[in-house]
Protein backbone atom coordinates (compact mmCIF):
# COMPACT_ATOMS: atom_id res chain seq x y z
CA MET A 1 55.47 96.22 61.12
CA SER A 2 53.23 98.52 63.16
CA ASP A 3 53.92 102.25 63.24
CA GLN A 4 53.69 102.04 67.03
CA ARG A 5 56.96 101.48 68.90
CA THR A 6 57.11 97.87 70.09
CA ALA A 7 59.99 95.47 70.61
CA ARG A 8 61.50 94.58 67.24
CA VAL A 9 64.15 92.38 65.69
CA ALA A 10 67.08 94.35 64.27
CA VAL A 11 70.09 93.23 62.23
CA VAL A 12 73.32 95.28 62.24
CA THR A 13 76.38 94.70 60.05
CA GLY A 14 79.76 95.82 61.33
CA GLY A 15 78.25 95.71 64.80
CA ALA A 16 81.32 94.88 66.88
CA SER A 17 82.80 98.38 67.07
CA GLY A 18 82.18 102.07 66.46
CA ILE A 19 78.80 103.20 65.18
CA GLY A 20 77.61 99.64 64.72
CA ARG A 21 78.36 98.71 68.31
CA ALA A 22 76.69 101.86 69.63
CA THR A 23 73.61 101.10 67.53
CA VAL A 24 73.44 97.52 68.80
CA LEU A 25 73.47 98.85 72.36
CA ARG A 26 70.86 101.49 71.50
CA PHE A 27 68.48 98.92 70.04
CA LEU A 28 68.97 96.67 73.07
CA ALA A 29 68.28 99.61 75.40
CA GLU A 30 64.99 100.17 73.55
CA GLY A 31 63.97 96.56 74.21
CA ASP A 32 64.77 95.11 70.80
CA GLN A 33 66.31 91.78 69.91
CA VAL A 34 69.46 92.15 67.81
CA VAL A 35 71.57 90.01 65.51
CA PHE A 36 74.88 91.56 64.50
CA GLY A 37 77.58 90.56 62.07
CA ASP A 38 81.27 91.42 61.90
CA LEU A 39 84.64 89.95 60.98
CA ASN A 40 86.26 90.82 64.30
CA GLU A 41 85.16 87.94 66.50
CA ALA A 42 87.16 89.15 69.52
CA ASN A 43 85.34 92.49 69.57
CA ALA A 44 82.06 90.67 68.99
CA GLN A 45 82.63 88.41 71.98
CA ALA A 46 83.48 91.43 74.13
CA LEU A 47 80.14 92.96 73.20
CA LEU A 48 78.29 89.71 73.93
CA ASP A 49 79.97 89.56 77.33
CA GLU A 50 78.98 93.15 78.10
CA VAL A 51 75.22 92.98 77.64
CA ALA A 52 72.98 92.30 80.61
CA ASP A 53 70.49 90.13 78.72
CA PRO A 54 72.50 87.98 76.28
CA ALA A 55 69.37 86.09 75.21
CA ARG A 56 68.37 89.17 73.17
CA LEU A 57 71.67 89.38 71.28
CA ARG A 58 73.09 87.02 68.66
CA PHE A 59 76.34 87.20 66.67
CA VAL A 60 77.07 85.78 63.23
CA PRO A 61 80.60 86.11 61.76
CA THR A 62 79.94 87.96 58.52
CA ASP A 63 81.87 89.17 55.49
CA VAL A 64 79.43 91.58 53.86
CA THR A 65 81.04 91.06 50.45
CA GLU A 66 79.91 87.42 50.44
CA GLU A 67 76.25 86.93 49.57
CA SER A 68 75.99 83.62 51.40
CA GLY A 69 77.24 85.25 54.59
CA VAL A 70 74.78 88.14 54.42
CA ALA A 71 71.93 85.74 53.67
CA ALA A 72 72.96 83.67 56.70
CA LEU A 73 73.01 86.77 58.91
CA VAL A 74 69.47 87.75 57.97
CA GLY A 75 68.39 84.12 58.13
CA ASP A 76 69.70 83.84 61.68
CA ALA A 77 67.42 86.68 62.76
CA VAL A 78 64.40 85.06 61.15
CA GLU A 79 65.20 81.62 62.53
CA GLY A 80 66.38 82.73 65.96
CA PHE A 81 63.94 85.55 66.71
CA GLY A 82 61.14 84.79 64.26
CA ARG A 83 61.38 87.82 61.94
CA ILE A 84 63.32 90.94 60.93
CA ASP A 85 61.98 94.47 61.40
CA VAL A 86 65.08 96.65 61.01
CA MET A 87 68.25 96.29 58.94
CA PHE A 88 71.20 98.63 59.55
CA ASN A 89 73.79 98.24 56.80
CA ASN A 90 76.71 99.73 58.66
CA ALA A 91 79.83 97.73 57.76
CA GLY A 92 82.53 99.69 55.99
CA ILE A 93 86.21 100.40 55.46
CA GLY A 94 88.30 103.46 54.66
CA GLY A 95 89.39 101.67 51.52
CA ALA A 96 91.64 103.02 48.79
CA PHE A 97 93.48 105.98 50.27
CA GLY A 98 95.72 108.53 48.59
CA PRO A 99 96.00 110.39 45.30
CA LEU A 100 93.68 109.21 42.52
CA VAL A 101 96.56 108.57 40.12
CA GLU A 102 98.20 106.23 42.64
CA THR A 103 95.06 104.28 43.55
CA GLU A 104 95.30 100.58 42.73
CA ALA A 105 92.36 99.00 40.93
CA ALA A 106 92.27 96.21 43.51
CA ASP A 107 91.89 98.73 46.33
CA TRP A 108 89.14 100.53 44.42
CA ASP A 109 87.33 97.23 43.91
CA ARG A 110 87.69 96.25 47.57
CA THR A 111 86.30 99.63 48.68
CA PHE A 112 83.23 99.22 46.50
CA ALA A 113 82.85 95.57 47.50
CA VAL A 114 82.56 96.32 51.21
CA ILE A 115 80.66 99.62 51.01
CA GLY A 116 78.55 99.28 47.87
CA ARG A 117 78.08 95.54 47.47
CA GLY A 118 77.67 95.12 51.23
CA VAL A 119 74.78 97.61 51.34
CA PHE A 120 73.19 96.05 48.26
CA LEU A 121 73.35 92.53 49.69
CA GLY A 122 72.08 93.59 53.10
CA THR A 123 69.19 95.47 51.55
CA LYS A 124 68.37 92.64 49.14
CA HIS A 125 68.14 89.91 51.76
CA ALA A 126 66.47 92.04 54.43
CA ALA A 127 63.87 93.21 51.91
CA ARG A 128 63.20 89.65 50.78
CA ALA A 129 62.49 88.59 54.36
CA MET A 130 60.36 91.68 55.05
CA ILE A 131 58.31 91.16 51.90
CA ALA A 132 57.72 87.54 52.88
CA GLN A 133 56.49 88.69 56.30
CA GLY A 134 54.01 91.00 54.63
CA ASP A 135 53.99 93.83 57.17
CA GLY A 136 56.83 96.09 56.06
CA GLY A 137 60.07 97.05 57.73
CA VAL A 138 62.86 99.62 57.88
CA ILE A 139 66.33 99.65 56.33
CA VAL A 140 68.98 102.22 57.26
CA ASN A 141 72.24 102.50 55.31
CA ASN A 142 75.39 104.09 56.69
CA ALA A 143 76.68 106.56 54.10
CA SER A 144 78.92 109.57 54.85
CA VAL A 145 79.32 113.29 54.32
CA ALA A 146 82.08 112.21 51.94
CA GLY A 147 79.32 110.99 49.65
CA VAL A 148 77.75 114.42 49.19
CA GLY A 149 80.79 116.53 48.30
CA GLY A 150 84.23 116.59 46.76
CA GLY A 151 87.70 116.41 48.21
CA GLY A 152 91.03 114.77 47.59
CA GLY A 153 92.52 111.55 48.86
CA LEU A 154 89.36 109.53 49.44
CA THR A 155 88.03 109.32 45.91
CA ALA A 156 87.06 105.64 46.07
CA TYR A 157 85.51 105.95 49.53
CA SER A 158 83.58 109.08 48.57
CA ALA A 159 82.35 107.55 45.33
CA ALA A 160 81.23 104.40 47.13
CA LYS A 161 79.34 106.39 49.75
CA ALA A 162 77.70 108.49 47.03
CA ALA A 163 76.60 105.22 45.46
CA VAL A 164 75.03 104.21 48.79
CA ILE A 165 73.03 107.46 48.89
CA ASN A 166 71.76 107.02 45.33
CA PHE A 167 71.06 103.32 45.87
CA THR A 168 69.03 104.22 48.94
CA ALA A 169 66.83 106.62 46.97
CA ASN A 170 66.22 104.12 44.19
CA ALA A 171 65.52 101.23 46.55
CA ALA A 172 63.05 103.37 48.50
CA VAL A 173 60.94 103.91 45.38
CA GLU A 174 60.91 100.20 44.61
CA LEU A 175 60.22 99.00 48.16
CA ALA A 176 57.57 101.54 49.17
CA ALA A 177 54.77 99.36 47.80
CA HIS A 178 55.80 96.75 50.37
CA ARG A 179 55.74 99.34 53.18
CA ILE A 180 59.49 99.08 53.55
CA ARG A 181 61.17 102.40 54.31
CA ILE A 182 64.84 102.91 53.50
CA ASN A 183 66.99 105.91 54.38
CA ALA A 184 70.68 106.71 54.82
CA VAL A 185 72.59 108.44 57.59
CA CYS A 186 75.65 110.51 56.63
CA PRO A 187 78.03 110.86 59.58
CA GLY A 188 80.76 113.46 59.67
CA LEU A 189 83.79 113.16 61.94
CA VAL A 190 82.96 110.56 64.57
CA ASN A 191 85.31 109.11 67.16
CA THR A 192 85.45 105.55 65.86
CA PRO A 193 88.38 103.23 65.05
CA LEU A 194 87.58 103.57 61.34
CA VAL A 195 87.86 107.36 61.30
CA MET A 196 90.36 108.14 64.02
CA GLY A 197 92.89 105.33 63.69
CA ARG A 198 96.40 106.40 64.51
CA ASP A 199 95.62 110.03 63.63
CA ALA A 200 93.28 110.74 66.55
CA ALA A 201 95.48 113.48 68.01
CA ALA A 202 95.80 115.21 64.63
CA ILE A 203 92.05 115.19 64.08
CA GLU A 204 91.32 116.46 67.58
CA ALA A 205 93.83 119.27 67.13
CA GLN A 206 92.35 120.32 63.79
CA LEU A 207 88.66 119.85 64.65
CA ALA A 208 87.87 123.55 64.27
CA THR A 209 89.01 123.41 60.63
CA PHE A 210 86.59 120.58 59.82
CA GLN A 211 83.27 121.66 61.35
CA PRO A 212 81.64 124.58 63.21
CA TRP A 213 80.23 122.45 66.04
CA PRO A 214 82.82 122.42 68.85
CA ASP A 215 82.56 118.72 69.76
CA LEU A 216 83.75 115.65 67.92
CA GLY A 217 80.93 113.27 67.06
CA ARG A 218 80.46 110.14 69.15
CA PRO A 219 79.13 106.78 67.94
CA GLU A 220 76.15 107.25 70.24
CA ASN A 221 75.20 110.42 68.34
CA ILE A 222 74.87 108.48 65.10
CA ALA A 223 73.12 105.59 66.83
CA GLY A 224 70.48 108.08 67.94
CA VAL A 225 69.87 109.14 64.34
CA VAL A 226 69.64 105.50 63.26
CA ALA A 227 67.16 104.82 66.05
CA PHE A 228 65.05 107.76 64.85
CA LEU A 229 65.13 106.58 61.23
CA ALA A 230 64.19 103.08 62.37
CA GLY A 231 61.37 104.28 64.62
CA PRO A 232 57.74 105.35 64.24
CA ASP A 233 58.47 109.09 64.38
CA SER A 234 60.07 108.87 60.92
CA VAL A 235 57.23 106.90 59.34
CA PHE A 236 56.88 109.43 56.47
CA LEU A 237 60.62 109.48 55.66
CA THR A 238 61.92 107.25 52.90
CA GLY A 239 64.47 107.62 50.13
CA THR A 240 66.39 110.42 51.82
CA HIS A 241 69.68 110.88 53.66
CA VAL A 242 70.25 112.66 56.95
CA LEU A 243 73.46 114.60 57.64
CA ALA A 244 74.82 114.03 61.15
CA ASP A 245 78.02 115.99 60.75
CA GLY A 246 78.31 118.85 63.24
CA GLY A 247 77.51 121.30 60.45
CA MET A 248 80.44 120.21 58.27
CA VAL A 249 78.57 120.21 54.96
CA ALA A 250 76.79 123.47 55.79
CA TRP A 251 80.13 125.09 56.56
CA GLY A 252 82.02 123.73 53.59
CA PRO A 253 85.46 122.39 54.70
CA ARG A 254 86.42 118.84 53.79
CA MET A 255 87.99 116.27 56.07
CA THR A 256 90.17 114.72 53.36
CA GLY A 257 93.50 115.74 51.92
CA THR A 258 93.57 118.06 48.92
CA SER A 259 96.13 118.80 46.25
CA ASP A 260 97.29 122.28 45.37
CA PRO A 261 97.92 123.43 41.76
CA ARG A 262 101.63 122.62 42.04
CA GLY A 263 100.87 118.96 42.65
CA ARG A 264 101.82 118.92 46.32
CA THR A 265 99.55 116.84 48.50
CA ARG A 266 98.79 117.86 52.05
CA GLN A 267 98.86 115.32 54.85
CA TYR A 268 95.76 113.16 54.97
CA VAL A 269 94.09 112.63 58.32
CA GLY A 270 91.46 110.14 59.37
CA PHE A 271 90.05 107.00 57.84
CA THR A 272 91.96 103.81 58.52
CA GLU A 273 90.98 100.27 57.76
CA GLY A 274 87.98 99.03 59.73
CA THR A 275 87.06 95.75 61.34
CA THR A 276 84.95 94.53 58.45
CA GLY A 277 87.44 94.12 55.65
CA ARG A 278 91.03 93.35 54.74
CA ARG A 279 93.67 95.98 55.26
CA PRO A 280 93.92 97.95 52.01
CA THR A 281 97.21 98.63 50.23
CA ARG A 282 98.38 102.15 50.97
CA ARG A 283 101.01 104.50 49.66
CA PRO A 284 102.52 106.97 52.13
CA VAL A 285 101.41 110.57 51.64
CA HIS A 286 103.36 113.46 53.12
CA ASP A 287 103.77 117.21 52.79
CA VAL A 288 106.46 117.94 50.25
């Protein structure tokens, strides 16, 4: 792939809503051809109906935990548009939610399946296709600020996102010889169905306790970072992660619930199930 900005073929997982949807639209606005995968076919059809040039957009129903499905998604880009230049591994879920000692093993496994396995499979099959093409490519993984710090209530999610960050660094070393760059973006609080869920009002009301920047993040903000990481201006960036968090990590507060020394757990806000995985089992958590 040339370092100069030309029309490309991009693949996006979890592309029917939130950050994925915004990134699909951003790539289309830049003249790219896009193939996106998701489990929510209704949202996917709504996106297909919205675009002005549907010939540049393809949809493949995709469960990112299934290798055959991810391979088919990448294969559709190669067969339909002739190649793949950019892979955005975006699909995710909130996953296991609540105190560590009450987390079910099945919920832990599901969280890692969608977030960790999904990124691995997307990277594996995109890299295979890019290596076969012989002219490089770009992979961007959607991590999270939760993957770079501690907090309570989202242990499985945070651990899975930390795995994505470390996987990204290791894959970058291995793929550099093939001129394939791979980086991660770490969003903070962003107004998406995955983060806001039914707690949107609570998050909006408490925004000042989460981050110093006065505005809640929008999916388009993260799509802009992804576009930068996928573009020629970031040609010397690989193996790193970019915080797009309104200063949250610099400031220090955490968005998750925390437990005090007496064992009481504060109300958790944010992070509901997404459109790319089954609804996880949850235990109610309240102030006591």
